[in-house]
N, C-alpha and C. Protein backbone atom coordinates (compact mmCIF):
# COMPACT_ATOMS: atom_id res chain seq x y z
N UNK A 1 -54.17 -0.82 1.16
CA UNK A 1 -53.64 -1.94 0.72
C UNK A 1 -52.22 -1.65 -0.01
N UNK A 2 -52.20 -0.58 -0.79
CA UNK A 2 -50.99 -0.30 -1.55
C UNK A 2 -49.98 0.38 -0.72
N UNK A 3 -50.46 1.13 0.44
CA UNK A 3 -49.55 1.68 1.32
C UNK A 3 -48.98 0.60 2.21
N UNK A 4 -49.70 -0.25 2.44
CA UNK A 4 -49.10 -1.34 3.32
C UNK A 4 -48.03 -2.06 2.46
N UNK A 5 -48.29 -2.39 1.39
CA UNK A 5 -47.26 -3.08 0.49
C UNK A 5 -46.04 -2.21 0.48
N UNK A 6 -46.16 -0.99 0.22
CA UNK A 6 -44.87 0.00 0.07
C UNK A 6 -44.19 -0.16 1.44
N UNK A 7 -44.82 -0.09 2.59
CA UNK A 7 -44.24 0.00 3.85
C UNK A 7 -43.44 -1.29 3.95
N UNK A 8 -44.15 -2.43 3.55
CA UNK A 8 -43.50 -3.73 3.76
C UNK A 8 -42.15 -3.80 2.80
N UNK A 9 -42.24 -3.32 1.68
CA UNK A 9 -41.10 -3.27 0.65
C UNK A 9 -40.08 -2.38 1.25
N UNK A 10 -40.47 -1.17 1.73
CA UNK A 10 -39.36 -0.29 2.25
C UNK A 10 -38.74 -0.99 3.55
N UNK A 11 -39.37 -1.61 4.42
CA UNK A 11 -38.90 -2.40 5.54
C UNK A 11 -37.87 -3.49 5.14
N UNK A 12 -38.24 -4.14 4.15
CA UNK A 12 -37.37 -5.32 3.58
C UNK A 12 -36.09 -4.60 3.02
N UNK A 13 -36.25 -3.59 2.30
CA UNK A 13 -35.06 -3.00 1.67
C UNK A 13 -34.07 -2.48 2.76
N UNK A 14 -34.75 -1.80 3.67
CA UNK A 14 -33.98 -1.11 4.99
C UNK A 14 -33.34 -2.49 5.68
N UNK A 15 -33.96 -3.44 6.01
CA UNK A 15 -33.51 -4.64 6.72
C UNK A 15 -32.29 -5.31 5.97
N UNK A 16 -32.34 -5.41 4.70
CA UNK A 16 -31.43 -6.04 3.70
C UNK A 16 -30.00 -5.32 3.84
N UNK A 17 -30.17 -3.78 3.86
CA UNK A 17 -28.99 -3.08 3.74
C UNK A 17 -28.42 -2.96 5.13
N UNK A 18 -29.13 -3.17 6.04
CA UNK A 18 -28.53 -3.33 7.51
C UNK A 18 -27.79 -4.60 7.81
N UNK A 19 -28.09 -5.48 6.97
CA UNK A 19 -27.39 -6.88 7.14
C UNK A 19 -26.35 -7.12 6.38
N UNK A 20 -25.91 -6.05 5.44
CA UNK A 20 -24.75 -6.27 4.63
C UNK A 20 -23.48 -6.24 5.33
N UNK A 21 -22.50 -6.97 5.03
CA UNK A 21 -21.33 -6.98 5.84
C UNK A 21 -20.64 -5.75 5.60
N UNK A 22 -20.14 -5.21 6.69
CA UNK A 22 -19.23 -3.91 6.51
C UNK A 22 -17.88 -4.33 6.59
N UNK A 23 -17.11 -3.59 5.67
CA UNK A 23 -15.66 -3.68 5.46
C UNK A 23 -14.80 -3.34 6.70
N UNK A 24 -13.98 -4.24 7.08
CA UNK A 24 -13.19 -3.96 8.30
C UNK A 24 -12.11 -2.86 7.92
N UNK A 25 -11.74 -2.26 8.91
CA UNK A 25 -10.70 -1.17 8.87
C UNK A 25 -9.41 -1.63 8.44
N UNK A 26 -8.94 -2.93 8.50
CA UNK A 26 -7.77 -3.42 8.11
C UNK A 26 -7.77 -3.71 6.66
N UNK A 27 -9.03 -4.09 6.17
CA UNK A 27 -9.23 -4.53 4.62
C UNK A 27 -9.29 -3.24 3.87
N UNK A 28 -9.58 -2.10 4.30
CA UNK A 28 -9.74 -0.79 3.54
C UNK A 28 -8.31 -0.16 3.39
N UNK A 29 -8.15 0.33 2.19
CA UNK A 29 -6.64 0.96 1.96
C UNK A 29 -6.81 2.28 2.67
N UNK A 30 -5.51 2.51 3.17
CA UNK A 30 -5.27 3.82 3.70
C UNK A 30 -5.23 4.99 2.85
N UNK A 31 -6.13 5.90 3.02
CA UNK A 31 -6.13 7.08 1.88
C UNK A 31 -4.92 7.82 1.80
N UNK A 32 -4.00 7.74 2.88
CA UNK A 32 -2.79 8.56 2.86
C UNK A 32 -1.66 8.06 1.71
N UNK A 33 -1.96 6.81 1.35
CA UNK A 33 -0.87 6.23 0.59
C UNK A 33 -1.46 5.87 -0.83
N UNK A 34 -0.53 6.11 -1.75
CA UNK A 34 -1.02 5.70 -3.19
C UNK A 34 -1.09 4.12 -3.57
N UNK A 35 -2.06 3.85 -3.86
CA UNK A 35 -2.33 2.39 -4.33
C UNK A 35 -1.50 1.89 -5.41
N UNK A 36 -1.09 2.81 -6.23
CA UNK A 36 -0.02 2.51 -7.31
C UNK A 36 1.34 2.42 -6.83
N UNK A 37 1.65 2.80 -5.55
CA UNK A 37 2.99 2.60 -5.22
C UNK A 37 3.84 4.00 -5.36
N UNK A 38 5.14 3.66 -4.87
CA UNK A 38 6.08 4.87 -4.95
C UNK A 38 7.23 4.44 -5.73
N UNK A 39 7.92 5.41 -6.36
CA UNK A 39 9.34 5.30 -6.85
C UNK A 39 10.48 5.89 -6.09
N UNK A 40 11.38 5.14 -5.88
CA UNK A 40 12.45 5.64 -5.00
C UNK A 40 13.14 6.66 -5.94
N UNK A 41 13.46 7.88 -5.36
CA UNK A 41 14.07 8.92 -6.21
C UNK A 41 15.65 9.24 -6.14
N UNK A 42 16.24 8.36 -5.35
CA UNK A 42 17.74 8.32 -5.06
C UNK A 42 18.48 7.06 -5.04
N UNK A 43 19.62 7.00 -5.27
CA UNK A 43 20.53 5.82 -5.00
C UNK A 43 20.94 5.55 -3.63
N UNK A 44 21.01 4.47 -3.07
CA UNK A 44 21.55 4.35 -1.64
C UNK A 44 20.54 4.67 -0.49
N UNK A 45 19.38 4.67 -0.87
CA UNK A 45 18.29 4.92 0.37
C UNK A 45 18.29 3.69 1.10
N UNK A 46 18.45 4.03 2.47
CA UNK A 46 18.63 2.93 3.41
C UNK A 46 17.17 2.44 3.69
N UNK A 47 17.00 1.09 3.64
CA UNK A 47 15.91 0.39 4.10
C UNK A 47 16.17 -0.24 5.44
N UNK A 48 15.43 0.27 6.53
CA UNK A 48 15.69 -0.05 7.85
C UNK A 48 14.66 -0.96 8.58
N UNK A 49 15.19 -1.75 9.64
CA UNK A 49 14.09 -2.51 10.39
C UNK A 49 13.11 -1.60 11.24
N UNK A 50 13.38 -0.40 11.47
CA UNK A 50 12.56 0.52 12.21
C UNK A 50 12.77 1.91 11.68
N UNK A 51 11.88 3.05 12.07
CA UNK A 51 12.15 4.18 11.70
C UNK A 51 13.43 4.99 12.22
N UNK A 52 14.20 5.69 11.57
CA UNK A 52 15.29 6.52 11.86
C UNK A 52 16.47 5.79 12.34
N UNK A 53 16.34 4.94 13.31
CA UNK A 53 17.61 4.27 13.92
C UNK A 53 17.62 2.73 13.75
N UNK A 54 16.71 2.18 13.01
CA UNK A 54 16.65 0.64 12.90
C UNK A 54 17.78 0.21 12.15
N UNK A 55 18.14 -1.08 12.19
CA UNK A 55 19.23 -1.76 11.57
C UNK A 55 18.96 -1.67 9.95
N UNK A 56 20.10 -1.44 9.24
CA UNK A 56 19.83 -1.29 7.82
C UNK A 56 19.81 -2.70 7.32
N UNK A 57 18.69 -2.95 6.61
CA UNK A 57 18.40 -4.31 5.83
C UNK A 57 19.21 -4.21 4.60
N UNK A 58 19.13 -3.09 3.92
CA UNK A 58 19.85 -3.03 2.63
C UNK A 58 19.61 -1.65 1.92
N UNK A 59 20.10 -1.47 0.72
CA UNK A 59 19.97 -0.17 0.09
C UNK A 59 18.80 -0.29 -1.13
N UNK A 60 18.17 0.83 -1.27
CA UNK A 60 17.24 0.97 -2.31
C UNK A 60 17.88 1.89 -3.39
N UNK A 61 17.57 1.51 -4.61
CA UNK A 61 18.09 2.35 -5.75
C UNK A 61 17.14 3.05 -6.48
N UNK A 62 17.50 4.23 -7.16
CA UNK A 62 16.55 5.04 -7.89
C UNK A 62 15.68 4.16 -8.92
N UNK A 63 14.47 4.39 -8.85
CA UNK A 63 13.73 3.66 -9.80
C UNK A 63 12.93 2.42 -9.06
N UNK A 64 13.44 1.92 -7.96
CA UNK A 64 12.70 0.74 -7.24
C UNK A 64 11.42 1.27 -7.05
N UNK A 65 10.42 0.30 -7.01
CA UNK A 65 9.00 0.59 -6.68
C UNK A 65 8.75 0.02 -5.33
N UNK A 66 8.05 0.61 -4.29
CA UNK A 66 7.79 0.37 -3.19
C UNK A 66 6.22 0.71 -2.79
N UNK A 67 5.67 -0.02 -1.97
CA UNK A 67 4.31 0.24 -1.52
C UNK A 67 4.27 0.59 0.08
N UNK A 68 3.68 1.77 0.44
CA UNK A 68 3.81 2.20 1.77
C UNK A 68 2.54 1.71 2.49
N UNK A 69 2.47 1.44 3.68
CA UNK A 69 1.39 1.13 4.32
C UNK A 69 1.17 1.68 5.87
N UNK A 70 2.29 2.40 6.27
CA UNK A 70 2.22 3.00 7.69
C UNK A 70 3.35 4.16 7.61
N UNK A 71 2.86 5.02 8.45
CA UNK A 71 3.84 6.31 8.62
C UNK A 71 4.10 6.58 10.06
N UNK A 72 5.25 6.99 10.27
CA UNK A 72 5.68 7.40 11.65
C UNK A 72 6.69 8.48 11.53
N UNK A 73 6.14 9.73 11.66
CA UNK A 73 6.92 10.99 11.43
C UNK A 73 7.07 11.01 10.04
N UNK A 74 8.45 11.27 9.74
CA UNK A 74 8.87 11.48 8.24
C UNK A 74 9.43 10.10 7.66
N UNK A 75 8.89 9.04 8.39
CA UNK A 75 9.32 7.57 7.80
C UNK A 75 8.05 6.83 7.45
N UNK A 76 8.28 5.99 6.37
CA UNK A 76 7.14 5.23 6.03
C UNK A 76 7.56 3.90 6.08
N UNK A 77 6.70 2.82 6.32
CA UNK A 77 6.92 1.43 6.29
C UNK A 77 6.59 1.08 4.90
N UNK A 78 7.42 0.38 4.22
CA UNK A 78 7.27 0.06 2.87
C UNK A 78 7.68 -1.45 2.48
N UNK A 79 6.95 -1.93 1.30
CA UNK A 79 7.35 -3.19 1.00
C UNK A 79 7.77 -3.03 -0.51
N UNK A 80 8.99 -3.72 -0.72
CA UNK A 80 9.66 -3.69 -1.90
C UNK A 80 9.07 -4.57 -2.99
N UNK A 81 8.68 -3.96 -4.29
CA UNK A 81 7.94 -4.58 -5.28
C UNK A 81 8.74 -5.64 -5.89
N UNK A 82 8.25 -6.55 -6.66
CA UNK A 82 9.18 -7.61 -7.30
C UNK A 82 9.74 -6.89 -8.51
N UNK A 83 10.96 -7.37 -8.73
CA UNK A 83 11.89 -6.89 -9.84
C UNK A 83 11.60 -7.79 -10.96
N UNK A 84 10.89 -7.11 -12.02
CA UNK A 84 10.60 -7.99 -13.13
C UNK A 84 11.72 -8.37 -14.00
N UNK A 85 13.00 -7.59 -13.67
CA UNK A 85 14.13 -8.01 -14.58
C UNK A 85 14.99 -9.19 -13.98
N UNK A 86 14.47 -9.58 -13.00
CA UNK A 86 15.20 -10.86 -12.20
C UNK A 86 14.43 -12.10 -11.98
N UNK A 87 14.76 -13.21 -12.55
CA UNK A 87 13.87 -14.35 -12.26
C UNK A 87 13.54 -14.69 -10.86
N UNK A 88 14.56 -14.48 -9.88
CA UNK A 88 14.44 -14.87 -8.61
C UNK A 88 13.69 -13.79 -7.85
N UNK A 89 13.51 -12.68 -8.34
CA UNK A 89 12.83 -11.45 -7.68
C UNK A 89 13.89 -10.71 -6.63
N UNK A 90 15.13 -11.08 -6.92
CA UNK A 90 16.23 -10.34 -5.94
C UNK A 90 16.65 -9.20 -6.69
N UNK A 91 16.82 -8.20 -5.99
CA UNK A 91 17.44 -6.92 -6.61
C UNK A 91 18.90 -7.15 -7.23
N UNK A 92 19.09 -6.91 -8.43
CA UNK A 92 20.33 -7.15 -9.08
C UNK A 92 21.57 -6.44 -8.46
N UNK A 93 21.32 -5.19 -8.01
CA UNK A 93 22.40 -4.39 -7.39
C UNK A 93 22.56 -4.55 -5.90
N UNK A 94 21.50 -4.59 -5.01
CA UNK A 94 21.65 -4.68 -3.63
C UNK A 94 21.33 -5.96 -2.93
N UNK A 95 20.74 -6.87 -3.84
CA UNK A 95 20.39 -8.21 -3.25
C UNK A 95 19.29 -8.20 -2.34
N UNK A 96 18.51 -7.25 -2.14
CA UNK A 96 17.18 -7.38 -1.43
C UNK A 96 16.13 -8.06 -2.21
N UNK A 97 15.40 -8.86 -1.58
CA UNK A 97 14.41 -9.70 -2.21
C UNK A 97 13.08 -8.85 -2.34
N UNK A 98 12.44 -9.25 -3.36
CA UNK A 98 11.02 -8.75 -3.45
C UNK A 98 10.10 -8.91 -2.29
N UNK A 99 9.26 -7.98 -1.98
CA UNK A 99 8.39 -8.10 -0.93
C UNK A 99 9.11 -7.94 0.53
N UNK A 100 10.49 -7.55 0.49
CA UNK A 100 11.09 -7.21 1.66
C UNK A 100 10.40 -6.01 2.31
N UNK A 101 10.08 -6.13 3.64
CA UNK A 101 9.37 -4.91 4.25
C UNK A 101 10.36 -4.18 5.28
N UNK A 102 10.32 -2.79 5.16
CA UNK A 102 11.15 -2.06 6.05
C UNK A 102 10.74 -0.66 6.02
N UNK A 103 11.59 0.23 6.66
CA UNK A 103 11.17 1.49 6.88
C UNK A 103 12.29 2.48 6.05
N UNK A 104 11.68 3.50 5.26
CA UNK A 104 12.51 4.44 4.50
C UNK A 104 11.99 5.96 4.80
N UNK A 105 13.10 6.76 4.52
CA UNK A 105 12.60 8.26 4.71
C UNK A 105 11.75 8.56 3.64
N UNK A 106 10.55 9.17 3.92
CA UNK A 106 9.48 9.42 2.77
C UNK A 106 10.06 10.48 1.89
N UNK A 107 10.97 11.30 2.13
CA UNK A 107 11.39 12.41 1.15
C UNK A 107 12.04 11.80 0.02
N UNK A 108 12.37 10.35 -0.11
CA UNK A 108 12.99 9.87 -1.15
C UNK A 108 11.90 9.01 -1.88
N UNK A 109 10.70 9.25 -1.87
CA UNK A 109 9.78 8.53 -2.52
C UNK A 109 8.84 9.58 -3.34
N UNK A 110 8.53 9.26 -4.42
CA UNK A 110 7.57 9.95 -5.39
C UNK A 110 6.61 9.10 -5.88
N UNK A 111 5.24 9.53 -5.74
CA UNK A 111 4.03 8.61 -6.01
C UNK A 111 4.03 8.31 -7.49
N UNK A 112 3.82 7.02 -7.76
CA UNK A 112 3.43 6.73 -9.16
C UNK A 112 2.12 7.08 -9.58
N UNK A 113 1.87 7.43 -10.85
CA UNK A 113 0.61 7.92 -11.36
C UNK A 113 -0.25 6.60 -11.82
N UNK A 114 -1.47 6.48 -11.17
CA UNK A 114 -2.30 5.27 -11.44
C UNK A 114 -2.97 5.61 -12.91
N UNK A 115 -2.86 4.48 -13.67
CA UNK A 115 -3.51 4.64 -14.91
C UNK A 115 -4.42 3.43 -15.08
N UNK A 116 -5.73 3.83 -15.61
CA UNK A 116 -6.78 2.64 -15.73
C UNK A 116 -7.00 2.58 -17.25
N UNK A 117 -6.80 1.25 -17.74
CA UNK A 117 -7.03 0.98 -19.11
C UNK A 117 -8.22 0.14 -19.18
N UNK A 118 -9.25 0.50 -20.01
CA UNK A 118 -10.35 -0.15 -20.10
C UNK A 118 -10.36 -0.94 -21.43
């Protein structure tokens, strides 16, 4: 009787874990990119509509924060972070708006260090 109860309990546990929703590939973070973003390491880095030869959207400046989500060769597709020094979220120097997405050469990016504060 005890063995039968254990088998039923084990089957219930296994059935429950098999029914849990699986995370989709699109919802999972790409392990190649830092979740804390990247700092632009030079002034005048071109943000383009496509890798290498895309139209220039504007210029990134040293210290801008970007978040990468896709790579193609030596280029990253990045999203420009919000500029906390501007009420409108517009870059003071270059005029690019926060959340502008484009491509930049990855050699001009350095990963931010993630810090967890409990």
